Amino acid sequence: MLTKATLLVLAVCAVSAVWAQESHWDQAARDHIVDIHNEYRRNEGGCQINKLEYDMTLEAQARVWAEKCAFKHEMVRGRGENLAFSTYIKPEAELITESAKRWFQEKDYYVRGQHGCQHSCHYTQLVWHSTKKFGCWSNRCPKLHNSLAENAWYFVCFYTPMGNMIGQDPYETQCEAPCKPGQTLENGLCVGDEIIPCDNKNPSCAGWAKRGECTKNPNYMNNSSSSRSNSGGSSSIGISRPSSSSTSRRICNNSTVVIIIVVVVVVVVVVVVVVIVVVVVLAVILVGLVVLVVL
């Protein structure tokens, strides 16, 4: 027969067991989140949307951040981040599905052509066409900092190349081809590295590329730029920052080369003119002093 003291001990043990429950991130969880992402991306009906691949390096980064139990962004340049948490005690797969669903439901607040992702940053990063890799981790935090949540299941996903560029939609609905040159279409999504052609009108362009300038001086050789847009949420957070260079190959952009050459020439001409003016002024002053001395 169980005494009151025994029942109290059992109740405390039961509560402790629930409190100590940890996440179970394993290969099944990885496969599940990959399938969810690509299914959402495939069903968007857009064109030139990359198929996401799981990346263990990004997972390792996500794990480090998730285990800090801080509900905020790490803010690493060139990497997209989606965060979520739940205080429910449920199977890992169910928590993953619910978090991704909340991210995707932000589509209801997105209007194509809007300036930045605004209140839909989770959704736009989830389906962003140029993103190729991502990795995630979950952790059960006794206390999730920057929130009021306790015993929270904390979910972190990192993406590269990141999305959510200001002035861009997450994908196009009409394209000349379903995938970019060099890629192939696989079950509605694009796989492989795209080749971005450029008009090689500068005779030095090919030579610069052979010497590795596209790697050494990517900002000069690759005429691309990004903008920043940030947003947050109560139980999930989406973020966007300037993207890093992707595996796309671009030899160079000759308009940039021409502009740089013109700027250099203009600067040199201005410097020469200034020097001539200074010399003339000094000569006039010298002549004036000589005349005063003679008189």
Protein backbone atom coordinates (compact mmCIF):
# COMPACT_ATOMS: atom_id res chain seq x y z
CA MET A 1 0.00 0.00 0.00
CA LEU A 2 1.36 3.38 -1.04
CA THR A 3 1.74 5.96 1.67
CA LYS A 4 1.29 9.69 1.18
CA ALA A 5 5.06 10.14 1.40
CA THR A 6 5.61 7.57 -1.34
CA LEU A 7 3.07 9.25 -3.61
CA LEU A 8 4.75 12.61 -3.04
CA VAL A 9 8.14 11.17 -4.03
CA LEU A 10 6.67 9.62 -7.17
CA ALA A 11 5.05 12.93 -8.12
CA VAL A 12 8.32 14.81 -7.69
CA CYS A 13 10.17 12.21 -9.77
CA ALA A 14 7.55 12.47 -12.52
CA VAL A 15 7.85 16.26 -12.66
CA SER A 16 11.63 16.02 -12.69
CA ALA A 17 11.51 13.54 -15.56
CA VAL A 18 9.38 15.89 -17.64
CA TRP A 19 11.59 18.87 -16.77
CA ALA A 20 14.76 17.04 -17.71
CA GLN A 21 13.46 15.80 -21.04
CA GLU A 22 15.96 16.66 -23.76
CA SER A 23 15.61 17.06 -27.50
CA HIS A 24 16.52 14.10 -29.65
CA TRP A 25 18.23 15.48 -32.74
CA ASP A 26 19.31 12.59 -34.94
CA GLN A 27 19.31 11.49 -38.59
CA ALA A 28 15.54 11.03 -38.54
CA ALA A 29 15.18 14.65 -37.42
CA ARG A 30 17.57 15.80 -40.16
CA ASP A 31 15.68 13.91 -42.86
CA HIS A 32 12.39 15.25 -41.54
CA ILE A 33 13.38 18.91 -41.63
CA VAL A 34 14.93 18.52 -45.11
CA ASP A 35 11.72 16.98 -46.43
CA ILE A 36 9.62 19.74 -44.87
CA HIS A 37 11.76 22.52 -46.35
CA ASN A 38 11.88 21.08 -49.85
CA GLU A 39 8.18 20.24 -49.84
CA TYR A 40 7.29 23.82 -48.98
CA ARG A 41 9.71 25.12 -51.62
CA ARG A 42 8.41 22.73 -54.28
CA ASN A 43 4.77 23.63 -53.65
CA GLU A 44 5.40 27.36 -54.11
CA GLY A 45 5.20 26.88 -57.87
CA GLY A 46 8.08 29.28 -58.52
CA CYS A 47 10.98 28.83 -60.90
CA GLN A 48 14.74 28.54 -60.36
CA ILE A 49 14.29 27.50 -56.72
CA ASN A 50 17.20 25.42 -55.42
CA LYS A 51 16.75 22.09 -53.70
CA LEU A 52 18.08 22.41 -50.15
CA GLU A 53 20.83 20.10 -48.96
CA TYR A 54 21.61 19.40 -45.33
CA ASP A 55 24.97 20.68 -44.15
CA MET A 56 26.73 19.28 -41.08
CA THR A 57 28.93 22.36 -40.68
CA LEU A 58 25.85 24.54 -40.36
CA GLU A 59 24.38 22.00 -37.97
CA ALA A 60 27.47 22.24 -35.77
CA GLN A 61 27.13 26.03 -35.74
CA ALA A 62 23.42 25.77 -34.94
CA ARG A 63 24.15 23.36 -32.10
CA VAL A 64 26.65 25.72 -30.48
CA TRP A 65 24.10 28.52 -30.61
CA ALA A 66 21.13 26.43 -29.47
CA GLU A 67 23.04 25.19 -26.44
CA LYS A 68 23.60 28.78 -25.31
CA CYS A 69 19.83 28.95 -24.70
CA ALA A 70 19.71 32.58 -25.85
CA PHE A 71 16.64 33.49 -27.91
CA LYS A 72 18.39 35.96 -30.18
CA HIS A 73 20.38 35.94 -33.40
CA GLU A 74 24.08 35.23 -33.51
CA MET A 75 24.38 37.74 -36.37
CA VAL A 76 27.03 36.03 -38.48
CA ARG A 77 27.56 37.78 -41.80
CA GLY A 78 26.36 35.90 -44.85
CA ARG A 79 24.21 33.38 -42.97
CA GLY A 80 20.44 33.28 -42.64
CA GLU A 81 18.85 32.28 -39.32
CA ASN A 82 15.41 31.01 -38.34
CA LEU A 83 14.66 30.47 -34.64
CA ALA A 84 11.69 29.03 -32.78
CA PHE A 85 10.81 27.62 -29.38
CA SER A 86 8.04 25.67 -27.70
CA THR A 87 7.26 24.87 -24.10
CA TYR A 88 5.16 21.83 -25.01
CA ILE A 89 6.40 18.32 -24.30
CA LYS A 90 5.92 16.53 -27.61
CA PRO A 91 7.84 14.17 -29.91
CA GLU A 92 10.74 15.79 -31.78
CA ALA A 93 9.16 15.31 -35.19
CA GLU A 94 5.96 17.01 -34.08
CA LEU A 95 7.81 20.01 -32.63
CA ILE A 96 9.85 20.36 -35.85
CA THR A 97 6.72 20.20 -38.01
CA GLU A 98 4.89 22.80 -35.92
CA SER A 99 7.86 25.21 -35.96
CA ALA A 100 8.29 25.00 -39.73
CA LYS A 101 4.54 25.40 -40.16
CA ARG A 102 4.59 28.63 -38.11
CA TRP A 103 7.44 29.92 -40.24
CA PHE A 104 5.60 29.11 -43.46
CA GLN A 105 2.31 30.60 -42.26
CA GLU A 106 3.94 34.03 -42.34
CA LYS A 107 3.26 33.84 -46.07
CA ASP A 108 -0.16 35.27 -45.18
CA TYR A 109 1.57 38.59 -44.38
CA TYR A 110 3.79 38.69 -47.45
CA VAL A 111 3.00 40.77 -50.53
CA ARG A 112 5.17 40.33 -53.60
CA GLY A 113 7.16 43.45 -54.35
CA GLN A 114 7.13 44.72 -50.77
CA HIS A 115 10.25 46.42 -49.43
CA GLY A 116 12.03 43.79 -47.33
CA CYS A 117 10.65 40.69 -45.67
CA GLN A 118 9.07 42.70 -42.79
CA HIS A 119 6.79 40.31 -40.84
CA SER A 120 7.43 37.33 -43.14
CA CYS A 121 11.17 36.76 -42.75
CA HIS A 122 10.85 33.15 -41.61
CA TYR A 123 8.71 32.30 -44.61
CA THR A 124 10.88 34.09 -47.15
CA GLN A 125 14.08 32.46 -45.86
CA LEU A 126 12.35 29.08 -45.89
CA VAL A 127 11.57 29.35 -49.62
CA TRP A 128 14.32 31.73 -50.79
CA HIS A 129 15.31 30.58 -54.28
CA SER A 130 19.11 30.94 -54.09
CA THR A 131 19.60 29.29 -50.68
CA LYS A 132 21.26 25.88 -51.13
CA LYS A 133 22.29 24.54 -47.74
CA PHE A 134 21.04 24.57 -44.18
CA GLY A 135 21.60 22.85 -40.86
CA CYS A 136 19.60 22.76 -37.63
CA TRP A 137 19.72 21.73 -33.98
CA SER A 138 17.30 21.63 -31.08
CA ASN A 139 17.94 21.87 -27.38
CA ARG A 140 15.77 21.73 -24.27
CA CYS A 141 16.62 24.81 -22.19
CA PRO A 142 15.72 25.00 -18.46
CA LYS A 143 15.44 28.75 -19.03
CA LEU A 144 15.46 30.40 -22.43
CA HIS A 145 17.17 33.76 -22.08
CA ASN A 146 15.58 36.81 -23.73
CA SER A 147 12.18 35.20 -23.20
CA LEU A 148 9.99 34.20 -20.28
CA ALA A 149 10.00 30.55 -21.32
CA GLU A 150 11.18 27.78 -19.02
CA ASN A 151 11.90 24.19 -20.00
CA ALA A 152 11.72 25.39 -23.61
CA TRP A 153 12.47 23.34 -26.68
CA TYR A 154 14.74 25.71 -28.64
CA PHE A 155 15.05 25.21 -32.42
CA VAL A 156 17.78 26.84 -34.54
CA CYS A 157 18.29 26.61 -38.32
CA PHE A 158 21.12 28.31 -40.25
CA TYR A 159 21.11 28.88 -44.04
CA THR A 160 23.60 29.70 -46.83
CA PRO A 161 23.56 31.60 -49.05
CA MET A 162 21.13 33.60 -46.98
CA GLY A 163 18.00 35.16 -48.39
CA ASN A 164 15.75 38.10 -47.57
CA MET A 165 17.52 40.68 -49.70
CA ILE A 166 15.75 44.03 -49.67
CA GLY A 167 14.04 44.78 -52.96
CA GLN A 168 13.88 41.12 -54.02
CA ASP A 169 11.10 38.57 -53.90
CA PRO A 170 11.93 35.11 -52.54
CA TYR A 171 11.52 33.64 -56.03
CA GLU A 172 10.25 34.44 -59.50
CA THR A 173 7.02 33.06 -60.92
CA GLN A 174 8.04 33.40 -64.56
CA CYS A 175 11.51 32.54 -65.89
CA GLU A 176 13.05 31.80 -69.28
CA ALA A 177 14.02 28.36 -67.97
CA PRO A 178 12.95 26.36 -64.90
CA CYS A 179 16.57 26.35 -63.64
CA LYS A 180 19.66 28.46 -64.23
CA PRO A 181 22.31 27.44 -66.80
CA GLY A 182 24.33 24.50 -65.50
CA GLN A 183 21.54 23.23 -63.26
CA THR A 184 19.02 20.42 -63.74
CA LEU A 185 15.42 20.13 -62.59
CA GLU A 186 14.80 17.41 -60.02
CA ASN A 187 11.25 16.88 -58.82
CA GLY A 188 10.39 20.56 -59.20
CA LEU A 189 13.59 21.95 -57.66
CA CYS A 190 16.99 22.88 -59.12
CA VAL A 191 20.19 20.98 -58.32
CA GLY A 192 23.81 21.70 -59.20
CA ASP A 193 25.88 24.86 -59.51
CA GLU A 194 24.61 27.57 -61.81
CA ILE A 195 26.84 29.29 -64.34
CA ILE A 196 26.29 33.03 -64.66
CA PRO A 197 27.55 34.23 -68.06
CA CYS A 198 28.94 37.70 -68.67
CA ASP A 199 29.88 39.69 -71.76
CA ASN A 200 33.67 39.57 -71.99
CA LYS A 201 34.31 42.85 -73.82
CA ASN A 202 37.45 43.74 -71.88
CA PRO A 203 40.53 41.96 -73.29
CA SER A 204 42.06 41.77 -69.82
CA CYS A 205 39.08 40.03 -68.25
CA ALA A 206 39.99 36.44 -69.13
CA GLY A 207 43.58 36.98 -68.04
CA TRP A 208 42.51 38.33 -64.67
CA ALA A 209 40.26 35.33 -64.15
CA LYS A 210 43.07 32.88 -64.97
CA ARG A 211 45.26 34.54 -62.34
CA GLY A 212 42.59 33.87 -59.73
CA GLU A 213 41.38 37.45 -59.33
CA CYS A 214 37.78 36.26 -59.03
CA THR A 215 38.83 34.60 -55.78
CA LYS A 216 41.38 37.15 -54.58
CA ASN A 217 39.31 40.24 -55.38
CA PRO A 218 35.68 39.11 -55.56
CA ASN A 219 34.26 42.55 -54.81
CA TYR A 220 36.11 43.98 -57.80
CA MET A 221 35.49 41.08 -60.17
CA ASN A 222 31.95 40.27 -59.18
CA ASN A 223 29.60 43.19 -59.50
CA SER A 224 27.04 42.21 -56.90
CA SER A 225 25.67 43.89 -53.77
CA SER A 226 23.08 43.25 -51.04
CA SER A 227 21.04 45.09 -48.50
CA ARG A 228 19.99 44.33 -44.96
CA SER A 229 16.63 43.61 -43.44
CA ASN A 230 15.91 42.31 -39.94
CA SER A 231 12.83 41.16 -38.13
CA GLY A 232 11.87 39.25 -35.02
CA GLY A 233 9.00 37.35 -33.48
CA SER A 234 7.67 36.08 -30.17
CA SER A 235 8.08 32.34 -30.60
CA SER A 236 10.23 32.40 -33.71
CA ILE A 237 12.67 34.79 -35.31
CA GLY A 238 13.68 35.30 -38.94
CA ILE A 239 16.70 37.31 -39.98
CA SER A 240 18.39 38.55 -43.12
CA ARG A 241 21.71 40.17 -43.75
CA PRO A 242 24.03 40.60 -46.77
CA SER A 243 24.68 37.30 -48.44
CA SER A 244 28.07 35.72 -48.97
CA SER A 245 29.34 34.74 -52.41
CA SER A 246 27.76 31.54 -53.69
CA THR A 247 29.28 28.81 -55.82
CA SER A 248 28.06 30.60 -58.91
CA ARG A 249 30.85 31.39 -61.32
CA ARG A 250 31.20 34.87 -62.81
CA ILE A 251 34.34 35.87 -64.69
CA CYS A 252 33.87 39.61 -64.31
CA ASN A 253 31.57 42.49 -65.07
CA ASN A 254 33.12 44.78 -67.64
CA SER A 255 30.93 47.76 -66.87
CA THR A 256 32.54 47.89 -63.45
CA VAL A 257 36.02 47.80 -65.01
CA VAL A 258 35.14 50.63 -67.40
CA ILE A 259 33.73 52.75 -64.57
CA ILE A 260 36.85 52.23 -62.47
CA ILE A 261 39.13 53.16 -65.39
CA VAL A 262 37.10 56.33 -66.09
CA VAL A 263 37.20 57.32 -62.42
CA VAL A 264 40.98 56.81 -62.28
CA VAL A 265 41.50 58.89 -65.43
CA VAL A 266 39.30 61.71 -64.10
CA VAL A 267 41.18 61.73 -60.79
CA VAL A 268 44.55 61.90 -62.57
CA VAL A 269 43.37 64.78 -64.79
CA VAL A 270 42.05 66.71 -61.79
CA VAL A 271 45.34 66.25 -59.93
CA VAL A 272 47.34 67.47 -62.94
CA VAL A 273 45.13 70.53 -63.37
CA VAL A 274 45.45 71.39 -59.67
CA VAL A 275 49.26 71.11 -59.86
CA ILE A 276 49.37 73.38 -62.93
CA VAL A 277 47.17 75.97 -61.22
CA VAL A 278 49.38 75.94 -58.11
CA VAL A 279 52.52 76.36 -60.21
CA VAL A 280 51.00 79.28 -62.14
CA VAL A 281 49.88 81.00 -58.93
CA LEU A 282 53.32 80.60 -57.37
CA ALA A 283 54.95 81.98 -60.52
CA VAL A 284 52.70 85.04 -60.49
CA ILE A 285 53.49 85.67 -56.83
CA LEU A 286 57.22 85.31 -57.49
CA VAL A 287 57.11 87.75 -60.40
CA GLY A 288 55.22 90.23 -58.27
CA LEU A 289 57.83 90.03 -55.51
CA VAL A 290 60.64 90.57 -58.04
CA VAL A 291 58.91 93.66 -59.44
CA LEU A 292 58.47 95.10 -55.94
CA VAL A 293 62.16 94.58 -55.16
CA VAL A 294 63.27 96.25 -58.40
CA LEU A 295 61.03 99.27 -57.81
